[in-house]
Protein backbone atom coordinates (compact mmCIF):
# COMPACT_ATOMS: atom_id res chain seq x y z
CA MET A 1 0.00 0.00 0.00
CA ASN A 2 1.23 3.49 -0.83
CA VAL A 3 0.90 5.75 2.21
CA ASP A 4 2.29 8.91 0.63
CA VAL A 5 0.00 11.43 2.30
CA LYS A 6 0.69 14.12 -0.30
CA GLU A 7 -1.26 12.18 -2.91
CA ILE A 8 -4.51 12.36 -0.97
CA ALA A 9 -6.51 15.57 -1.13
CA GLU A 10 -8.71 16.70 1.73
CA SER A 11 -6.94 14.53 4.28
CA VAL A 12 -4.70 14.98 7.29
CA THR A 13 -2.19 12.57 8.77
CA LEU A 14 -2.06 11.97 12.50
CA SER A 15 0.78 10.48 14.54
CA LEU A 16 -0.66 8.77 17.63
CA CYS A 17 1.87 7.45 20.14
CA GLY A 18 1.32 5.78 23.45
CA ASP A 19 3.26 6.40 26.65
CA VAL A 20 6.35 8.59 26.40
CA MET A 21 8.36 8.43 29.64
CA MET A 22 11.36 10.76 29.52
CA GLY A 23 12.16 10.75 33.23
CA ARG A 24 14.32 8.74 35.58
CA GLY A 25 17.02 6.91 33.57
CA VAL A 26 16.22 8.68 30.31
CA ASP A 27 16.54 12.07 31.99
CA GLN A 28 19.99 11.07 33.28
CA ILE A 29 21.48 10.84 29.76
CA LEU A 30 19.99 14.13 28.53
CA PRO A 31 21.82 17.49 28.53
CA HIS A 32 20.23 18.67 31.82
CA THR A 33 19.84 16.01 34.48
CA SER A 34 17.48 16.08 37.42
CA SER A 35 18.67 15.11 40.86
CA PRO A 36 18.82 11.30 40.66
CA GLU A 37 17.33 10.30 44.02
CA LEU A 38 14.39 7.92 43.88
CA TYR A 39 11.95 6.64 46.48
CA GLU A 40 11.38 3.16 45.10
CA PRO A 41 11.60 0.03 47.28
CA TYR A 42 14.69 -1.35 45.52
CA VAL A 43 16.23 1.42 43.41
CA ARG A 44 17.28 4.70 45.01
CA ASP A 45 19.25 6.29 42.17
CA ALA A 46 17.95 6.96 38.65
CA ARG A 47 21.40 6.31 37.23
CA ASP A 48 20.98 2.65 38.13
CA TYR A 49 18.44 2.36 35.31
CA VAL A 50 21.06 3.58 32.87
CA GLY A 51 23.37 0.89 34.22
CA LEU A 52 20.74 -1.83 33.67
CA ALA A 53 20.27 -0.75 30.06
CA GLU A 54 24.02 -0.66 29.47
CA HIS A 55 24.42 -4.12 30.97
CA ALA A 56 21.82 -5.40 28.51
CA ASN A 57 22.84 -3.61 25.32
CA GLY A 58 26.08 -1.66 25.68
CA THR A 59 27.35 1.80 26.55
CA ILE A 60 24.99 4.79 26.39
CA SER A 61 26.50 8.23 25.89
CA ARG A 62 25.74 10.98 28.39
CA HIS A 63 24.52 14.48 27.50
CA VAL A 64 23.05 13.17 24.24
CA SER A 65 21.30 15.50 21.82
CA PHE A 66 17.64 16.26 22.43
CA ASP A 67 16.57 14.20 19.42
CA TYR A 68 18.59 11.10 20.41
CA ILE A 69 15.80 9.35 22.29
CA TRP A 70 13.50 9.39 19.22
CA GLY A 71 15.94 7.63 16.88
CA ALA A 72 14.15 5.99 13.97
CA ALA A 73 10.85 7.60 14.98
CA LEU A 74 12.17 10.87 13.55
CA GLU A 75 12.70 9.18 10.19
CA GLU A 76 9.08 8.07 10.20
CA LEU A 77 7.87 11.54 11.09
CA GLU A 78 9.96 12.99 8.27
CA ARG A 79 8.62 10.43 5.82
CA PHE A 80 4.92 10.87 6.55
CA GLN A 81 4.87 14.50 7.73
CA PRO A 82 1.89 14.19 10.10
CA GLU A 83 0.04 17.44 10.69
CA ILE A 84 -0.91 16.36 14.22
CA ARG A 85 1.58 14.71 16.59
CA LEU A 86 0.10 13.42 19.84
CA ILE A 87 1.63 11.52 22.75
CA ASN A 88 0.66 10.50 26.25
CA LEU A 89 3.32 12.31 28.30
CA GLU A 90 3.88 10.03 31.28
CA THR A 91 6.47 12.23 32.96
CA ALA A 92 6.33 15.33 35.11
CA ILE A 93 8.56 18.10 33.74
CA THR A 94 9.83 19.77 36.87
CA ARG A 95 12.66 20.68 39.21
CA HIS A 96 10.45 20.13 42.24
CA ASP A 97 11.81 17.53 44.63
CA THR A 98 8.82 16.74 46.84
CA PRO A 99 7.43 13.38 45.71
CA TRP A 100 3.81 12.43 46.09
CA PRO A 101 3.82 10.60 49.44
CA ASN A 102 3.93 6.80 49.47
CA LYS A 103 3.57 6.47 45.71
CA GLY A 104 6.92 4.78 45.18
CA ILE A 105 7.44 5.36 41.45
CA ASN A 106 8.09 9.00 40.58
CA TYR A 107 9.07 10.17 37.08
CA ARG A 108 10.43 13.62 36.25
CA MET A 109 12.38 15.25 33.45
CA HIS A 110 14.32 18.48 33.90
CA PRO A 111 12.41 21.41 32.29
CA ASN A 112 15.52 22.37 30.32
CA ASN A 113 15.14 19.04 28.49
CA ALA A 114 11.77 20.11 27.06
CA PRO A 115 13.41 20.50 23.60
CA CYS A 116 13.15 16.70 23.48
CA LEU A 117 9.47 17.26 22.75
CA THR A 118 9.94 19.99 20.18
CA ALA A 119 12.69 17.95 18.48
CA ALA A 120 9.94 15.56 17.38
CA GLY A 121 7.46 18.34 16.67
CA ILE A 122 5.06 17.15 19.37
CA GLN A 123 1.99 19.39 19.29
CA CYS A 124 -0.22 17.93 21.99
CA CYS A 125 0.28 15.92 25.18
CA ALA A 126 -2.38 13.89 26.94
CA LEU A 127 -1.73 14.32 30.66
CA ALA A 128 -4.46 12.35 32.45
CA ASN A 129 -2.21 9.55 33.65
CA ASN A 130 -0.72 8.09 36.82
CA HIS A 131 2.59 10.02 36.74
CA VAL A 132 1.78 13.65 35.97
CA LEU A 133 1.46 14.47 39.70
CA ASP A 134 4.41 12.36 40.82
CA TRP A 135 6.12 15.50 42.15
CA HIS A 136 3.07 16.98 43.81
CA TYR A 137 1.11 20.06 42.78
CA GLY A 138 4.25 22.11 42.30
CA GLY A 139 5.49 19.56 39.80
CA LEU A 140 2.19 19.65 37.92
CA LYS A 141 2.21 23.43 37.78
CA GLU A 142 5.73 23.50 36.36
CA THR A 143 4.82 20.78 33.85
CA LEU A 144 1.92 22.87 32.53
CA THR A 145 4.01 26.03 32.41
CA THR A 146 6.83 24.28 30.55
CA LEU A 147 4.46 22.91 27.92
CA GLU A 148 2.88 26.34 27.47
CA ASP A 149 6.28 28.02 27.18
CA ASN A 150 7.18 25.56 24.41
CA GLY A 151 3.93 26.05 22.49
CA ILE A 152 2.66 22.52 23.17
CA ALA A 153 -1.05 21.99 23.77
CA TYR A 154 -2.28 19.63 26.48
CA SER A 155 -5.43 18.25 28.04
CA GLY A 156 -6.38 16.00 30.91
CA ALA A 157 -4.67 17.80 33.81
CA ALA A 158 -4.91 21.43 34.89
CA ASN A 159 -5.54 23.79 37.78
CA THR A 160 -9.30 23.08 37.92
CA LEU A 161 -11.70 20.36 36.82
CA ALA A 162 -13.20 22.68 34.22
CA ASP A 163 -9.79 23.13 32.58
CA ALA A 164 -8.72 19.49 32.96
CA SER A 165 -11.90 18.25 31.23
CA ARG A 166 -11.64 20.77 28.39
CA PRO A 167 -10.28 19.53 25.04
CA ALA A 168 -7.10 20.79 23.47
CA LYS A 169 -7.89 22.40 20.12
CA LEU A 170 -5.50 22.24 17.18
CA PRO A 171 -6.24 23.73 13.74
CA LEU A 172 -6.66 21.42 10.75
CA THR A 173 -6.43 21.87 7.02
CA GLY A 174 -9.70 23.25 5.69
CA GLY A 175 -10.64 25.18 8.82
CA GLY A 176 -11.64 22.35 11.13
CA ARG A 177 -10.09 21.49 14.46
CA MET A 178 -8.55 18.50 16.15
CA LEU A 179 -10.25 18.23 19.54
CA VAL A 180 -8.31 16.15 22.07
CA TRP A 181 -9.95 15.11 25.32
CA SER A 182 -7.74 13.31 27.83
CA PHE A 183 -9.01 11.40 30.84
CA GLY A 184 -7.95 8.47 32.97
CA LEU A 185 -9.57 5.61 34.84
CA ALA A 186 -8.61 4.49 38.32
CA ASP A 187 -7.69 0.99 37.06
CA SER A 188 -4.60 2.53 35.44
CA GLY A 189 -3.20 3.36 38.87
CA ILE A 190 -4.20 7.03 39.10
CA PRO A 191 -4.62 7.80 42.81
CA PRO A 192 -8.20 8.90 43.56
CA GLU A 193 -6.92 11.98 45.40
CA TRP A 194 -5.46 13.23 42.11
CA ARG A 195 -8.95 13.90 40.77
CA ALA A 196 -9.28 17.54 39.74
CA LYS A 197 -12.07 19.47 41.44
CA THR A 198 -13.76 22.82 41.00
CA SER A 199 -11.05 24.60 42.95
CA ARG A 200 -8.28 21.95 43.05
CA ALA A 201 -5.66 21.06 40.47
CA GLY A 202 -5.45 17.49 39.25
CA VAL A 203 -6.33 15.08 36.47
CA TYR A 204 -9.58 14.43 34.68
CA LEU A 205 -10.38 11.14 36.41
CA LEU A 206 -13.55 9.57 35.09
CA ASP A 207 -15.54 6.80 36.76
CA SER A 208 -16.44 4.36 33.99
CA GLU A 209 -19.14 2.82 36.19
CA SER A 210 -20.80 6.18 36.76
CA GLU A 211 -23.40 6.83 34.09
CA GLU A 212 -23.37 10.46 35.16
CA ASP A 213 -19.62 10.78 34.45
CA VAL A 214 -19.89 9.02 31.10
CA GLU A 215 -22.91 11.01 29.98
CA ALA A 216 -21.29 14.30 30.99
CA LEU A 217 -18.32 13.63 28.70
CA ALA A 218 -20.56 12.33 25.93
CA GLN A 219 -22.58 15.54 26.06
CA ARG A 220 -19.40 17.66 25.92
CA ILE A 221 -18.27 15.84 22.79
CA THR A 222 -21.65 16.26 21.10
CA ALA A 223 -21.83 19.95 22.02
CA GLU A 224 -18.22 20.86 21.18
CA LYS A 225 -17.70 19.04 17.90
CA HIS A 226 -18.56 20.92 14.71
CA ASN A 227 -18.48 19.97 11.03
CA GLY A 228 -14.89 19.55 9.89
CA ASP A 229 -13.61 18.67 13.39
CA ILE A 230 -11.95 15.43 14.45
CA ALA A 231 -12.75 14.41 18.02
CA LEU A 232 -10.06 12.25 19.61
CA ILE A 233 -10.38 10.73 23.07
CA SER A 234 -7.08 9.89 24.74
CA VAL A 235 -7.64 7.60 27.71
CA HIS A 236 -5.26 6.07 30.25
CA TRP A 237 -6.88 2.85 31.39
CA GLY A 238 -6.12 -0.67 32.53
CA GLY A 239 -3.05 -2.44 33.83
CA ASN A 240 0.45 -2.64 32.44
CA TRP A 241 0.36 -6.21 31.10
CA GLY A 242 -2.12 -8.46 29.33
CA TYR A 243 -4.30 -8.40 26.24
CA GLU A 244 -7.77 -8.73 27.73
CA ILE A 245 -10.10 -5.79 27.09
CA PRO A 246 -12.39 -5.14 30.10
CA ALA A 247 -16.06 -4.91 29.24
CA ASP A 248 -16.35 -1.41 30.73
CA HIS A 249 -13.53 -0.16 28.49
CA ARG A 250 -15.28 -1.50 25.41
CA TYR A 251 -18.61 -0.02 26.46
CA LEU A 252 -17.07 3.35 27.27
CA ALA A 253 -15.21 3.57 23.95
CA GLN A 254 -18.30 2.70 21.95
CA ARG A 255 -20.53 5.07 23.94
CA LEU A 256 -18.17 7.97 23.24
CA ILE A 257 -18.08 7.16 19.53
CA ASP A 258 -21.88 7.13 19.56
CA ALA A 259 -21.65 10.65 21.03
CA GLY A 260 -19.43 11.88 18.19
CA ALA A 261 -15.88 10.78 19.02
CA ASP A 262 -13.88 9.74 15.98
CA ILE A 263 -10.80 8.04 17.45
CA ILE A 264 -10.15 6.37 20.79
CA HIS A 265 -6.46 6.62 21.69
CA GLY A 266 -5.90 4.20 24.55
CA HIS A 267 -2.74 3.70 26.58
CA SER A 268 -1.32 2.44 29.91
CA SER A 269 -0.27 -1.07 28.86
CA HIS A 270 3.50 -1.35 28.38
CA HIS A 271 2.91 -3.28 25.15
CA PRO A 272 0.47 -2.80 22.24
CA LYS A 273 -2.99 -4.28 22.75
CA GLY A 274 -5.93 -5.02 20.50
CA MET A 275 -7.93 -2.66 18.35
CA GLU A 276 -11.27 -2.63 16.60
CA LEU A 277 -13.50 -0.64 14.29
CA TYR A 278 -16.83 0.53 15.66
CA HIS A 279 -19.16 2.21 13.15
CA GLY A 280 -16.06 2.73 11.01
CA LYS A 281 -14.14 4.56 13.77
CA PRO A 282 -10.89 3.15 15.20
CA ILE A 283 -10.55 2.13 18.84
CA LEU A 284 -6.92 1.61 19.89
CA TYR A 285 -7.21 -0.08 23.27
CA GLY A 286 -3.51 0.15 24.06
CA CYS A 287 -0.84 1.84 21.96
CA GLY A 288 1.90 0.61 24.30
CA ASP A 289 5.01 2.43 25.47
CA LEU A 290 7.07 4.30 22.92
CA ILE A 291 9.87 5.69 25.13
CA ASN A 292 10.82 4.41 28.58
CA ASP A 293 13.83 3.34 30.68
CA TYR A 294 12.76 -0.26 31.32
CA GLU A 295 15.56 -1.70 29.21
CA GLY A 296 17.41 -4.47 31.02
CA ILE A 297 14.63 -5.10 33.56
CA SER A 298 13.68 -8.77 33.59
CA GLY A 299 10.17 -10.16 33.69
CA HIS A 300 7.23 -10.24 31.25
CA GLU A 301 9.48 -11.48 28.43
CA THR A 302 6.52 -13.10 26.69
CA PHE A 303 5.20 -9.62 25.86
CA HIS A 304 8.45 -8.57 24.11
CA ALA A 305 8.39 -5.33 26.08
CA ASP A 306 11.35 -3.93 24.14
CA LEU A 307 9.15 -3.62 21.04
CA ALA A 308 6.98 -0.61 20.27
CA LEU A 309 4.54 0.56 17.63
CA MET A 310 4.28 4.04 16.19
CA PHE A 311 0.70 4.60 15.00
CA PHE A 312 -0.27 6.72 11.98
CA CYS A 313 -3.74 7.53 10.70
CA ARG A 314 -4.66 9.31 7.49
CA TRP A 315 -8.05 10.92 8.08
CA GLN A 316 -10.33 11.69 5.15
CA LEU A 317 -11.84 15.05 6.07
CA ASP A 318 -14.63 15.17 3.50
CA ARG A 319 -15.95 11.75 4.58
CA ASN A 320 -15.01 12.08 8.27
CA GLU A 321 -13.48 8.63 8.37
CA PRO A 322 -10.06 6.98 8.38
CA ALA A 323 -8.63 6.39 4.92
CA ALA A 324 -5.64 4.45 6.23
CA LEU A 325 -4.12 3.35 9.50
CA TRP A 326 -0.66 1.84 9.76
CA MET A 327 1.99 1.13 12.36
CA THR A 328 5.77 1.19 12.30
CA PRO A 329 7.39 -1.51 14.49
CA LEU A 330 10.33 -0.21 16.52
CA ARG A 331 12.70 -1.55 19.17
CA ARG A 332 14.07 0.27 22.21
CA ARG A 333 17.80 -0.16 22.67
CA ARG A 334 20.29 2.06 24.51
CA PHE A 335 17.44 4.48 25.26
CA THR A 336 16.76 5.22 21.61
CA LEU A 337 14.45 3.75 18.96
CA GLU A 338 15.57 1.47 16.15
CA TYR A 339 13.58 -0.20 13.39
CA ALA A 340 12.41 -3.64 14.42
CA SER A 341 13.61 -6.64 12.46
CA GLU A 342 11.35 -8.54 10.09
CA ASP A 343 10.93 -11.33 12.65
CA GLU A 344 10.03 -8.83 15.38
CA ALA A 345 7.53 -7.08 13.13
CA ARG A 346 6.05 -10.44 12.18
CA TRP A 347 5.66 -11.35 15.85
CA LEU A 348 3.77 -8.09 16.49
CA GLN A 349 1.56 -8.70 13.45
CA GLU A 350 0.69 -12.26 14.43
CA THR A 351 0.13 -11.38 18.09
CA LEU A 352 -2.22 -8.49 17.34
CA ASN A 353 -4.12 -10.52 14.76
CA GLN A 354 -4.66 -13.17 17.44
CA VAL A 355 -5.89 -10.76 20.12
CA ASN A 356 -7.94 -8.43 17.92
CA GLY A 357 -11.68 -9.06 17.94
CA PRO A 358 -13.77 -10.12 14.94
CA GLU A 359 -14.64 -6.45 14.32
CA SER A 360 -11.01 -5.65 13.57
CA PRO A 361 -9.50 -5.83 10.07
CA THR A 362 -6.56 -8.18 9.66
CA LEU A 363 -3.12 -6.59 9.88
CA THR A 364 -0.87 -7.08 6.86
CA MET A 365 2.85 -6.38 6.58
CA ASP A 366 4.54 -4.60 3.67
CA GLY A 367 8.09 -4.91 2.37
CA ASP A 368 9.32 -2.27 4.83
CA HIS A 369 7.83 -4.22 7.76
CA ARG A 370 5.11 -1.66 8.46
CA LEU A 371 1.81 -3.10 9.60
CA HIS A 372 -1.33 -1.96 7.77
CA TRP A 373 -4.75 -2.13 9.35
CA LEU A 374 -6.86 0.09 7.10
CA GLY A 375 -6.36 1.34 3.55
């Protein structure tokens, strides 16, 4: 399949990535390092995660360039030139050193490393996840300020519930907008006390079992979306491992599409999960991690946690539907991204074809090892 986006009129290309974690070990190889102390049960120094990765795959340079961590992902962005580039930013960007009490795992990246985001042209960050408040309210405030200072839109966490539940709005070709709502569910590990309130900062934490919560978001989507807009729902849900899709996730995704959502961008699982089409609209239940510092950590080998997928969608504006959706298989090694081998790409293809439901098209693989789902 030819995915040259320039040949298609009246369309936009979207880059949709899962969790991007630039803190802890990753932060320690960047030009500006945060203080390395950690509050985990077994690891007390972020530099130990660099050591684990080096033990597994060889020496990693220090003070790398801001674009280093993206590796081959930058080649894919250059090739397809997506107009919208979205990630789930699973890292606080802050100098604050007061961790959220008794949480254990706390991610932060030094604010002076924010050019890592602009190096990949990231335009919007989903923030409703279980790490954005790792360094307390001061850390959240500095995260928001840093994104604003770098011209990056965000949704899902803010100084009030009204702001946290408001969509980010990005202009599209032809005058429409990309509307990005971000929310999380408690089953992803978001502490309940992080819930934003009328006069308290926090994340947009939705109760999937509360019909009132679900209907409130559904009504916002219906009211906010206009002709020419694309409504994307970015949701942090579920555990880190496993392919099962909980019934409440499936119901919630379909209910929001019924209300006008066009794409469900799910994340939280460390590996890619299944996907389906519902009324012609894609539901990505788990995009998996794109960037993290888990290299060299044993356990969960059956999930091939070193592999990642970079998702692209070409959206046909005049028909308000996806014209193509494809994925680039990548591998994390030495805290950067490389192209996956043919065997690794084949494993991802076969695994996802096994776990996808009957509503999902079959993934095919092209000569460059990209996986094609639609188009």
